[in-house]
Amino acid sequence: MTTFVDRVELHVAAGNGGHGCASVHREKFKPLGGPDGGNGGRGGDVTLVVDQSVTTLLDYHHSPHRKATNGKPGEGGNRSGKDGQDLVLPVPDGTVVLDKQGNVLADLVGHGTSYVAAQGGRGGLGNAALASARRKAPGFALLGEPGDGGDVVLELKTVADVALVGYPSAGKSSLISVLSAAKPKIADYPFTTLVPNLGVVTAGATVYTIADVPGLIPGASQGRGLGLEFLRHVERCSVLVHVLDTATLESDRDPVSDLDVIEAELREYGAGLENRPRLVVLNKVDIPDGQDLADLVRPDLEERGYRVFEVSAVAHKGLKELSFALAELVAESRSAKPQEEATRIVIRPKAVDDTGFTVTREEDGGEAVYRVRGEKPERWVRQTDFNNDEAVGYLADRLNRLGVEDELMKAGARAGDGVAIGAEDDAVVFDWEPTMSAGAEMLGRRGEDHRFEAPRPAAQRRRDRDAERDEADQAYDDFKPF
């Protein structure tokens, strides 16, 4: 049964926003009580949070589908819907969040570090919030936005100061068991260690963590053995320790050639491992042949510039010197890291000519289609109930005020051309019928209720009507779409 998982594909879905409510206040002797529809609740987010008590991604291996709750719809009487509950997913320290293409979205290091993997949808506004001096009794409300959803890949990269690397059965697990309180599985056959093991070592005033990585073999960086699967756990380590077996029973191996092979694999894997400080441990010197071989290869290794330590995990020989040498390297690495800077707020003002949307011409079967992309137009489309003519008219007014029609004209759009708002796989397509910019507001007072307006004399109403007709006629004459 799988007990350790360090890479999973997680399917996350945030909650949808609740729909706004279109309601009119009803009370005895108050036939025109006005709109009182409440707003919809916000959809819940899906958030990844580092939790020190979590050490594996096993839970998400068994249950990869996670969804937050939806927001509740608004109700009459100005009652807003309840927000959806956020879904918090605990992950181990050192978890990297990637998209399906392998791009890094977040690197979660440190207890409490969080990342919103899926944003909940906004709740739709009720007709009470949409009411204005011109639109006193809207007969529609906005729909809630759908929550974000998609797939993310979680990769665990162990957070440790020191990594023990070497061939299988070189004695890495035995070494970590005597340097720390860790209790890894130890046996006399290759690939005993199938998962990284972590231990905490105290050497004087320095406390550091040490990781025992599954054994590497030639070709590990290309996926042979367990190397490629677990080399990522070495990436965050500040110090590398080559554990070399001086008592190997294989005739074609020796400590120097083992070192060369592992170094070649580290260079091939990359990720900056070739530049990490490292030292060499000649293990199993308690065996007579092992001590003889250590005496033979030590001068060659020191000639290459390595600090060499002869140890025996069984006889507890050379462990104190090794632990303090590692503590020294760890302290140097920590002091070399740049100090955390004070939090800075970066202000990125909008460009003066940024309209917030784009209009591009595309060809679809020989016919011109004009695609509108932008955060506001796409959000407004998602919030519109296309079964309600008044809501559609409200959308048209918003797009016109934003300047979408002007940009369509500049792009060469003609009446009857197709206009698509949104991405190709999720767009609303309609045939464009241009309105008159000067008369759009005058003729398009959608949602107004003239019963709320003060009565005007008949003569004044006739004069206003004639003025509006003349203004509309003039706007039509001035309008030249072609």
Protein backbone atom coordinates (compact mmCIF):
# COMPACT_ATOMS: atom_id res chain seq x y z
CA MET A 1 0.00 0.00 0.00
CA THR A 2 1.30 3.46 -0.91
CA THR A 3 2.28 5.45 2.20
CA PHE A 4 4.38 8.23 0.68
CA VAL A 5 3.34 10.35 -2.30
CA ASP A 6 5.34 13.37 -3.44
CA ARG A 7 3.56 14.20 -6.73
CA VAL A 8 -0.16 14.36 -7.43
CA GLU A 9 -2.51 15.94 -9.93
CA LEU A 10 -5.25 17.81 -8.10
CA HIS A 11 -8.59 18.76 -9.66
CA VAL A 12 -9.89 21.86 -7.89
CA ALA A 13 -13.14 23.78 -8.33
CA ALA A 14 -14.10 26.93 -6.47
CA GLY A 15 -17.69 27.65 -5.53
CA ASN A 16 -20.03 29.55 -7.84
CA GLY A 17 -21.41 32.89 -6.79
CA GLY A 18 -25.08 33.03 -5.84
CA HIS A 19 -27.55 34.75 -8.15
CA GLY A 20 -28.96 38.14 -7.25
CA CYS A 21 -32.67 38.38 -6.54
CA ALA A 22 -35.20 40.47 -8.49
CA SER A 23 -37.94 41.33 -6.02
CA VAL A 24 -40.38 44.18 -5.35
CA HIS A 25 -41.36 45.17 -1.85
CA ARG A 26 -45.00 44.39 -1.21
CA GLU A 27 -46.89 45.89 1.68
CA LYS A 28 -50.46 46.91 2.28
CA PHE A 29 -51.19 50.45 1.12
CA LYS A 30 -47.75 50.57 -0.57
CA PRO A 31 -48.34 49.31 -4.11
CA LEU A 32 -44.98 50.68 -5.31
CA GLY A 33 -42.68 49.67 -2.48
CA GLY A 34 -39.61 49.59 -4.71
CA PRO A 35 -37.02 46.91 -5.44
CA ASP A 36 -35.75 44.89 -2.46
CA GLY A 37 -33.85 41.97 -4.04
CA GLY A 38 -30.68 41.02 -2.16
CA ASN A 39 -27.24 40.17 -3.54
CA GLY A 40 -25.97 36.63 -4.03
CA GLY A 41 -23.23 35.25 -1.80
CA ARG A 42 -19.61 34.81 -2.89
CA GLY A 43 -18.42 31.33 -3.86
CA GLY A 44 -15.82 29.65 -1.64
CA ASP A 45 -12.11 29.65 -2.56
CA VAL A 46 -9.84 26.61 -2.71
CA THR A 47 -6.64 27.50 -0.82
CA LEU A 48 -3.46 25.50 -0.28
CA VAL A 49 -1.82 26.17 3.11
CA VAL A 50 1.49 24.80 4.42
CA ASP A 51 0.98 22.70 7.55
CA GLN A 52 4.03 21.38 9.40
CA SER A 53 2.09 18.34 10.61
CA VAL A 54 1.57 17.14 7.02
CA THR A 55 4.49 15.28 5.46
CA THR A 56 3.01 13.65 2.34
CA LEU A 57 0.48 14.28 -0.42
CA LEU A 58 -1.12 10.89 0.16
CA ASP A 59 -4.61 12.29 0.92
CA TYR A 60 -4.77 13.96 -2.49
CA HIS A 61 -3.55 10.79 -4.20
CA HIS A 62 -6.65 8.98 -2.93
CA SER A 63 -9.06 11.93 -3.28
CA PRO A 64 -7.85 14.21 -6.09
CA HIS A 65 -11.16 16.02 -6.67
CA ARG A 66 -11.78 18.94 -4.29
CA LYS A 67 -14.57 21.53 -4.52
CA ALA A 68 -15.57 24.50 -2.38
CA THR A 69 -19.23 25.30 -1.69
CA ASN A 70 -21.36 27.69 -3.72
CA GLY A 71 -22.72 31.01 -2.53
CA LYS A 72 -26.43 31.17 -1.75
CA PRO A 73 -28.77 33.28 -3.90
CA GLY A 74 -30.14 36.56 -2.60
CA GLU A 75 -33.71 36.88 -1.36
CA GLY A 76 -36.39 39.51 -1.14
CA GLY A 77 -36.47 41.93 1.74
CA ASN A 78 -32.87 43.01 0.98
CA ARG A 79 -31.52 39.70 2.31
CA SER A 80 -28.14 38.80 0.84
CA GLY A 81 -27.19 35.19 0.24
CA LYS A 82 -24.67 33.42 2.45
CA ASP A 83 -21.07 33.23 1.21
CA GLY A 84 -19.74 29.83 0.25
CA GLN A 85 -17.30 28.22 2.68
CA ASP A 86 -13.64 28.34 1.68
CA LEU A 87 -11.91 24.98 1.29
CA VAL A 88 -8.47 24.93 2.95
CA LEU A 89 -6.17 22.10 1.85
CA PRO A 90 -3.09 21.47 4.06
CA VAL A 91 0.10 20.61 2.18
CA PRO A 92 3.64 19.75 3.34
CA ASP A 93 6.33 22.38 3.66
CA GLY A 94 8.19 22.61 0.34
CA THR A 95 5.23 21.93 -1.95
CA VAL A 96 5.51 23.39 -5.44
CA VAL A 97 2.31 24.17 -7.37
CA LEU A 98 2.50 23.82 -11.16
CA ASP A 99 0.05 23.97 -14.04
CA LYS A 100 -0.44 21.14 -16.53
CA GLN A 101 2.33 22.57 -18.74
CA GLY A 102 4.86 22.49 -15.89
CA ASN A 103 4.93 26.25 -15.19
CA VAL A 104 5.47 27.08 -11.51
CA LEU A 105 2.48 28.87 -10.00
CA ALA A 106 3.64 28.95 -6.38
CA ASP A 107 6.45 27.66 -4.17
CA LEU A 108 5.06 27.05 -0.70
CA VAL A 109 7.85 27.16 1.87
CA GLY A 110 7.28 28.07 5.51
CA HIS A 111 4.46 27.29 7.91
CA GLY A 112 1.26 29.15 7.03
CA THR A 113 2.27 30.05 3.48
CA SER A 114 -0.83 29.92 1.31
CA TYR A 115 -1.89 30.02 -2.32
CA VAL A 116 -5.40 30.38 -3.73
CA ALA A 117 -5.59 27.60 -6.30
CA ALA A 118 -9.15 28.46 -7.38
CA GLN A 119 -10.96 31.75 -6.81
CA GLY A 120 -14.63 31.69 -5.87
CA GLY A 121 -17.11 33.44 -8.14
CA ARG A 122 -18.61 36.81 -7.25
CA GLY A 123 -22.21 36.94 -6.18
CA GLY A 124 -24.67 38.65 -8.51
CA LEU A 125 -26.21 41.98 -7.56
CA GLY A 126 -29.88 42.06 -6.67
CA ASN A 127 -32.23 44.58 -8.25
CA ALA A 128 -32.06 46.74 -5.11
CA ALA A 129 -28.34 47.30 -5.74
CA LEU A 130 -28.99 47.98 -9.44
CA ALA A 131 -31.58 50.69 -8.78
CA SER A 132 -30.58 54.25 -9.63
CA ALA A 133 -32.15 57.64 -10.22
CA ARG A 134 -32.82 56.64 -13.84
CA ARG A 135 -33.57 52.98 -13.21
CA LYS A 136 -35.79 53.05 -10.16
CA ALA A 137 -37.35 49.59 -10.48
CA PRO A 138 -35.11 47.12 -12.32
CA GLY A 139 -36.98 43.99 -13.28
CA PHE A 140 -33.82 41.89 -13.34
CA ALA A 141 -30.82 40.94 -11.26
CA LEU A 142 -27.28 39.84 -12.13
CA LEU A 143 -26.28 36.19 -12.13
CA GLY A 144 -23.51 34.89 -9.92
CA GLU A 145 -20.16 34.24 -11.58
CA PRO A 146 -18.94 30.65 -11.90
CA GLY A 147 -15.93 29.83 -9.73
CA ASP A 148 -12.52 29.05 -11.14
CA GLY A 149 -11.67 25.44 -11.79
CA GLY A 150 -8.94 23.36 -13.32
CA ASP A 151 -6.06 21.00 -12.69
CA VAL A 152 -2.89 21.76 -10.75
CA VAL A 153 0.11 19.54 -10.09
CA LEU A 154 1.56 19.38 -6.58
CA GLU A 155 5.20 18.36 -6.19
CA LEU A 156 6.86 17.92 -2.83
CA LYS A 157 10.48 18.99 -2.57
CA THR A 158 11.90 18.15 0.83
CA VAL A 159 13.01 21.14 2.89
CA ALA A 160 16.30 20.07 4.52
CA ASP A 161 19.74 21.60 5.12
CA VAL A 162 21.82 18.53 4.26
CA ALA A 163 21.21 15.74 1.73
CA LEU A 164 22.96 12.36 1.83
CA VAL A 165 23.50 11.06 -1.71
CA GLY A 166 25.16 7.91 -2.95
CA TYR A 167 24.71 4.44 -4.36
CA PRO A 168 22.12 2.04 -2.91
CA SER A 169 23.36 0.26 0.24
CA ALA A 170 26.14 2.83 0.78
CA GLY A 171 24.99 3.24 4.38
CA LYS A 172 23.00 6.49 4.14
CA SER A 173 20.09 5.22 6.22
CA SER A 174 22.44 3.86 8.88
CA LEU A 175 24.24 7.20 9.00
CA ILE A 176 21.09 9.27 9.46
CA SER A 177 19.87 6.88 12.13
CA VAL A 178 22.95 7.49 14.31
CA LEU A 179 23.27 11.22 13.58
CA SER A 180 19.64 11.92 14.47
CA ALA A 181 16.60 10.30 16.05
CA ALA A 182 15.23 9.19 12.67
CA LYS A 183 14.42 5.49 12.34
CA PRO A 184 14.59 4.60 8.64
CA LYS A 185 14.35 1.08 7.32
CA ILE A 186 17.80 -0.55 7.21
CA ALA A 187 18.56 -3.80 5.40
CA ASP A 188 21.37 -5.48 3.45
CA TYR A 189 19.83 -5.24 -0.02
CA PRO A 190 19.69 -2.40 -2.59
CA PHE A 191 16.88 0.17 -2.65
CA THR A 192 15.90 -0.43 0.96
CA THR A 193 15.05 3.27 1.16
CA LEU A 194 12.05 3.98 -1.03
CA VAL A 195 11.11 7.40 0.38
CA PRO A 196 13.17 10.33 1.69
CA ASN A 197 13.82 10.23 5.43
CA LEU A 198 14.33 13.37 7.51
CA GLY A 199 16.25 13.74 10.76
CA VAL A 200 17.15 16.65 13.03
CA VAL A 201 20.76 17.02 14.18
CA THR A 202 22.07 19.26 16.97
CA ALA A 203 25.76 20.21 16.84
CA GLY A 204 26.66 22.85 19.39
CA ALA A 205 24.42 25.87 18.87
CA THR A 206 23.40 24.82 15.35
CA VAL A 207 20.32 22.72 14.70
CA TYR A 208 19.83 21.47 11.16
CA THR A 209 17.85 18.88 9.23
CA ILE A 210 19.37 16.07 7.24
CA ALA A 211 17.69 14.07 4.46
CA ASP A 212 18.43 10.52 3.34
CA VAL A 213 17.57 10.31 -0.36
CA PRO A 214 16.93 6.95 -2.07
CA GLY A 215 20.03 5.53 -3.75
CA LEU A 216 21.23 6.83 -7.10
CA ILE A 217 22.58 4.73 -9.95
CA PRO A 218 23.98 5.57 -13.41
CA GLY A 219 21.20 7.07 -15.52
CA ALA A 220 19.21 8.30 -12.51
CA SER A 221 18.77 11.76 -14.05
CA GLN A 222 17.05 10.09 -17.04
CA GLY A 223 14.74 8.03 -14.84
CA ARG A 224 16.65 4.84 -14.09
CA GLY A 225 16.08 3.36 -10.66
CA LEU A 226 14.48 5.79 -8.21
CA GLY A 227 16.78 8.71 -8.94
CA LEU A 228 14.65 10.93 -11.15
CA GLU A 229 11.63 10.47 -8.89
CA PHE A 230 13.50 11.65 -5.79
CA LEU A 231 16.28 13.93 -7.07
CA ARG A 232 13.84 16.82 -6.63
CA HIS A 233 14.15 16.30 -2.87
CA VAL A 234 17.81 17.35 -3.09
CA GLU A 235 17.07 20.68 -4.79
CA ARG A 236 16.40 22.69 -1.62
CA CYS A 237 19.33 21.29 0.40
CA SER A 238 22.18 23.67 1.13
CA VAL A 239 24.89 20.99 1.56
CA LEU A 240 25.47 17.70 -0.24
CA VAL A 241 27.22 14.74 1.41
CA HIS A 242 28.62 11.97 -0.78
CA VAL A 243 28.34 8.74 1.18
CA LEU A 244 30.82 6.29 -0.38
CA ASP A 245 30.90 2.59 0.43
CA THR A 246 34.44 1.40 1.17
CA ALA A 247 33.33 -2.20 1.74
CA THR A 248 31.32 -2.86 -1.40
CA LEU A 249 31.25 -6.46 -2.64
CA GLU A 250 30.91 -5.43 -6.29
CA SER A 251 34.23 -5.84 -8.08
CA ASP A 252 33.55 -3.15 -10.71
CA ARG A 253 32.99 -0.40 -8.14
CA ASP A 254 35.21 1.72 -5.92
CA PRO A 255 34.65 4.97 -3.97
CA VAL A 256 36.25 7.24 -6.59
CA SER A 257 34.27 5.85 -9.53
CA ASP A 258 31.08 5.97 -7.41
CA LEU A 259 31.76 9.65 -6.72
CA ASP A 260 32.29 10.39 -10.41
CA VAL A 261 29.04 8.69 -11.37
CA ILE A 262 26.96 10.54 -8.76
CA GLU A 263 28.55 13.88 -9.67
CA ALA A 264 27.75 13.27 -13.34
CA GLU A 265 24.11 12.55 -12.46
CA LEU A 266 23.86 15.71 -10.35
CA ARG A 267 25.25 17.81 -13.19
CA GLU A 268 22.88 16.20 -15.66
CA TYR A 269 19.88 16.86 -13.43
CA GLY A 270 20.83 20.53 -13.05
CA ALA A 271 18.79 22.76 -10.70
CA GLY A 272 22.06 24.27 -9.41
CA LEU A 273 23.14 21.06 -7.64
CA GLU A 274 26.60 21.19 -9.19
CA ASN A 275 27.39 24.40 -7.26
CA ARG A 276 26.31 23.31 -3.78
CA PRO A 277 29.00 22.92 -1.07
CA ARG A 278 29.74 19.27 -0.49
CA LEU A 279 31.96 16.91 1.44
CA VAL A 280 32.78 13.21 1.23
CA VAL A 281 32.09 10.49 3.80
CA LEU A 282 33.98 7.20 3.50
CA ASN A 283 31.61 4.85 5.28
CA LYS A 284 32.06 1.36 6.79
CA VAL A 285 35.69 1.84 7.88
CA ASP A 286 35.01 -0.53 10.79
CA ILE A 287 35.60 -3.36 8.30
CA PRO A 288 39.36 -4.02 7.80
CA ASP A 289 39.15 -3.99 4.02
CA GLY A 290 37.07 -0.83 4.23
CA GLN A 291 39.72 0.99 6.25
CA ASP A 292 42.42 -0.09 3.83
CA LEU A 293 40.45 1.19 0.85
CA ALA A 294 39.70 4.45 2.65
CA ASP A 295 43.42 5.01 3.29
CA LEU A 296 44.08 4.33 -0.39
CA VAL A 297 41.52 6.73 -1.93
CA ARG A 298 41.58 9.54 0.62
CA PRO A 299 44.64 11.34 -0.85
CA ASP A 300 43.06 11.30 -4.32
CA LEU A 301 39.79 12.78 -3.00
CA GLU A 302 41.60 15.48 -1.01
CA GLU A 303 43.57 16.34 -4.12
CA ARG A 304 40.27 17.13 -5.81
CA GLY A 305 39.48 19.61 -3.03
CA TYR A 306 36.99 17.55 -1.03
CA ARG A 307 36.88 17.47 2.76
CA VAL A 308 36.95 13.76 3.60
CA PHE A 309 35.62 12.08 6.75
CA GLU A 310 36.08 8.44 7.64
CA VAL A 311 33.10 7.16 9.61
CA SER A 312 31.43 4.00 10.76
CA ALA A 313 27.73 4.12 11.54
CA VAL A 314 27.98 0.74 13.28
CA ALA A 315 30.99 1.58 15.47
CA HIS A 316 29.95 5.26 15.88
CA LYS A 317 33.35 6.35 14.62
CA GLY A 318 33.94 9.89 13.29
CA LEU A 319 30.33 10.99 13.78
CA LYS A 320 31.00 13.96 16.03
CA GLU A 321 33.55 15.50 13.66
CA LEU A 322 31.16 14.99 10.75
CA SER A 323 28.16 16.55 12.52
CA PHE A 324 30.13 19.66 13.50
CA ALA A 325 31.59 20.02 9.99
CA LEU A 326 28.07 19.89 8.56
CA ALA A 327 26.89 22.43 11.14
CA GLU A 328 29.66 24.79 10.01
CA LEU A 329 28.67 24.51 6.35
CA VAL A 330 24.98 24.97 7.17
CA ALA A 331 25.71 28.08 9.25
CA GLU A 332 27.77 29.54 6.40
CA SER A 333 25.00 28.83 3.92
CA ARG A 334 22.38 30.45 6.14
CA SER A 335 24.47 33.57 6.71
CA ALA A 336 25.11 33.90 2.97
CA LYS A 337 21.41 34.05 2.18
CA PRO A 338 20.12 37.61 1.74
CA GLN A 339 18.20 39.02 4.66
CA GLU A 340 14.47 39.35 4.15
CA GLU A 341 13.64 42.82 2.92
CA ALA A 342 10.84 44.92 4.32
CA THR A 343 7.54 44.44 2.55
CA ARG A 344 7.30 46.74 -0.43
CA ILE A 345 4.16 47.79 -2.23
CA VAL A 346 4.61 47.87 -5.98
CA ILE A 347 2.23 50.26 -7.72
CA ARG A 348 1.62 49.56 -11.39
CA PRO A 349 -0.64 52.32 -12.73
CA LYS A 350 -2.73 51.66 -15.79
CA ALA A 351 -1.59 53.06 -19.09
CA VAL A 352 -3.43 56.23 -20.09
CA ASP A 353 -4.74 54.59 -23.26
CA ASP A 354 -5.72 51.29 -21.62
CA THR A 355 -9.40 50.69 -22.39
CA GLY A 356 -9.60 47.44 -20.41
CA PHE A 357 -10.57 45.35 -23.44
CA THR A 358 -9.42 44.47 -26.96
CA VAL A 359 -11.24 43.98 -30.25
CA THR A 360 -9.67 41.73 -32.90
CA ARG A 361 -10.94 40.67 -36.30
CA GLU A 362 -11.00 36.92 -37.07
CA GLU A 363 -12.14 34.84 -40.03
CA ASP A 364 -14.68 32.06 -39.54
CA GLY A 365 -15.54 30.20 -42.73
CA GLY A 366 -14.88 33.28 -44.84
CA GLU A 367 -17.00 35.53 -42.63
CA ALA A 368 -15.64 38.23 -40.36
CA VAL A 369 -16.03 37.74 -36.61
CA TYR A 370 -14.93 40.40 -34.14
CA ARG A 371 -13.76 39.01 -30.82
CA VAL A 372 -13.96 41.15 -27.68
CA ARG A 373 -11.66 40.15 -24.83
CA GLY A 374 -11.37 41.87 -21.48
CA GLU A 375 -12.05 41.26 -17.81
CA LYS A 376 -15.07 43.56 -17.60
CA PRO A 377 -16.95 42.58 -20.79
CA GLU A 378 -16.47 38.87 -20.12
CA ARG A 379 -17.58 39.22 -16.51
CA TRP A 380 -20.64 41.23 -17.51
CA VAL A 381 -21.63 38.56 -20.05
CA ARG A 382 -21.35 35.82 -17.41
CA GLN A 383 -23.60 37.85 -15.09
CA THR A 384 -26.35 38.43 -17.66
CA ASP A 385 -29.58 36.45 -17.81
CA PHE A 386 -30.20 36.28 -21.56
CA ASN A 387 -33.78 35.13 -21.00
CA ASN A 388 -34.57 38.59 -19.63
CA ASP A 389 -34.79 41.33 -22.28
CA GLU A 390 -34.26 44.04 -19.70
CA ALA A 391 -31.06 42.36 -18.48
CA VAL A 392 -29.81 42.10 -22.08
CA GLY A 393 -30.54 45.78 -22.59
CA TYR A 394 -28.62 46.61 -19.41
CA LEU A 395 -25.64 44.65 -20.77
CA ALA A 396 -25.83 46.59 -24.05
CA ASP A 397 -25.81 49.88 -22.16
CA ARG A 398 -22.76 48.84 -20.11
CA LEU A 399 -20.83 47.73 -23.19
CA ASN A 400 -21.70 50.96 -24.96
CA ARG A 401 -20.55 53.09 -22.03
CA LEU A 402 -17.29 51.11 -21.89
CA GLY A 403 -16.63 52.01 -25.54
CA VAL A 404 -17.00 48.57 -27.11
CA GLU A 405 -19.20 49.84 -29.94
CA ASP A 406 -16.77 52.63 -30.80
CA GLU A 407 -13.91 50.13 -31.01
CA LEU A 408 -15.99 47.80 -33.18
CA MET A 409 -16.61 50.65 -35.60
CA LYS A 410 -12.91 51.52 -35.68
CA ALA A 411 -12.10 47.85 -36.39
CA GLY A 412 -14.41 47.94 -39.43
CA ALA A 413 -17.41 46.07 -38.06
CA ARG A 414 -20.66 46.46 -39.99
CA ALA A 415 -24.25 45.81 -39.00
CA GLY A 416 -24.92 42.07 -39.05
CA ASP A 417 -21.30 41.04 -38.48
CA GLY A 418 -20.68 38.43 -35.81
CA VAL A 419 -19.33 39.63 -32.46
CA ALA A 420 -17.98 37.15 -29.91
CA ILE A 421 -17.31 38.15 -26.31
CA GLY A 422 -14.96 35.77 -24.50
CA ALA A 423 -12.56 32.97 -25.33
CA GLU A 424 -13.15 30.64 -28.27
CA ASP A 425 -14.40 27.74 -26.14
CA ASP A 426 -16.66 29.88 -23.93
CA ALA A 427 -17.87 32.87 -25.91
CA VAL A 428 -21.25 34.55 -26.39
CA VAL A 429 -21.78 35.20 -30.11
CA PHE A 430 -24.37 37.56 -31.56
CA ASP A 431 -25.03 39.60 -34.70
CA TRP A 432 -24.04 43.19 -34.10
CA GLU A 433 -26.67 45.88 -34.51
CA PRO A 434 -25.03 49.26 -33.79
CA THR A 435 -26.94 51.73 -31.67
CA MET A 436 -26.82 55.52 -31.92
CA SER A 437 -24.22 56.76 -29.48
CA ALA A 438 -25.95 60.11 -28.98
CA GLY A 439 -29.35 58.56 -28.42
CA ALA A 440 -28.44 55.35 -26.66
CA GLU A 441 -29.15 56.63 -23.20
CA MET A 442 -32.13 58.67 -24.34
CA LEU A 443 -33.83 55.80 -26.14
CA GLY A 444 -32.52 52.98 -24.01
CA ARG A 445 -33.73 53.85 -20.52
CA ARG A 446 -34.28 50.22 -19.71
CA GLY A 447 -35.64 49.48 -16.29
CA GLU A 448 -37.16 52.88 -15.66
CA ASP A 449 -40.58 53.10 -14.11
CA HIS A 450 -42.24 56.44 -14.94
CA ARG A 451 -44.78 55.90 -12.16
CA PHE A 452 -42.06 56.97 -9.73
CA GLU A 453 -41.54 60.30 -11.50
CA ALA A 454 -43.37 63.48 -10.53
CA PRO A 455 -46.27 64.25 -12.90
CA ARG A 456 -45.60 66.87 -15.57
CA PRO A 457 -48.10 69.14 -17.30
CA ALA A 458 -49.37 67.86 -20.65
CA ALA A 459 -47.81 70.74 -22.54
CA GLN A 460 -44.42 70.05 -20.94
CA ARG A 461 -44.65 66.35 -21.79
CA ARG A 462 -45.39 67.23 -25.47
CA ARG A 463 -42.44 69.63 -25.63
CA ASP A 464 -40.10 67.05 -24.06
CA ARG A 465 -41.33 64.36 -26.43
CA ASP A 466 -40.82 66.58 -29.50
CA ALA A 467 -37.33 67.54 -28.30
CA GLU A 468 -36.39 63.91 -27.78
CA ARG A 469 -37.69 62.99 -31.26
CA ASP A 470 -35.74 65.83 -32.90
CA GLU A 471 -32.59 64.88 -31.02
CA ALA A 472 -32.97 61.23 -32.07
CA ASP A 473 -33.50 62.20 -35.70
CA GLN A 474 -30.40 64.38 -35.66
CA ALA A 475 -28.37 61.61 -34.05
CA TYR A 476 -29.54 59.20 -36.76
CA ASP A 477 -28.54 61.63 -39.52
CA ASP A 478 -25.08 62.14 -37.95
CA PHE A 479 -24.52 58.41 -37.52
CA LYS A 480 -22.36 56.96 -40.36
CA PRO A 481 -21.32 53.38 -39.57
CA PHE A 482 -19.73 52.75 -42.99
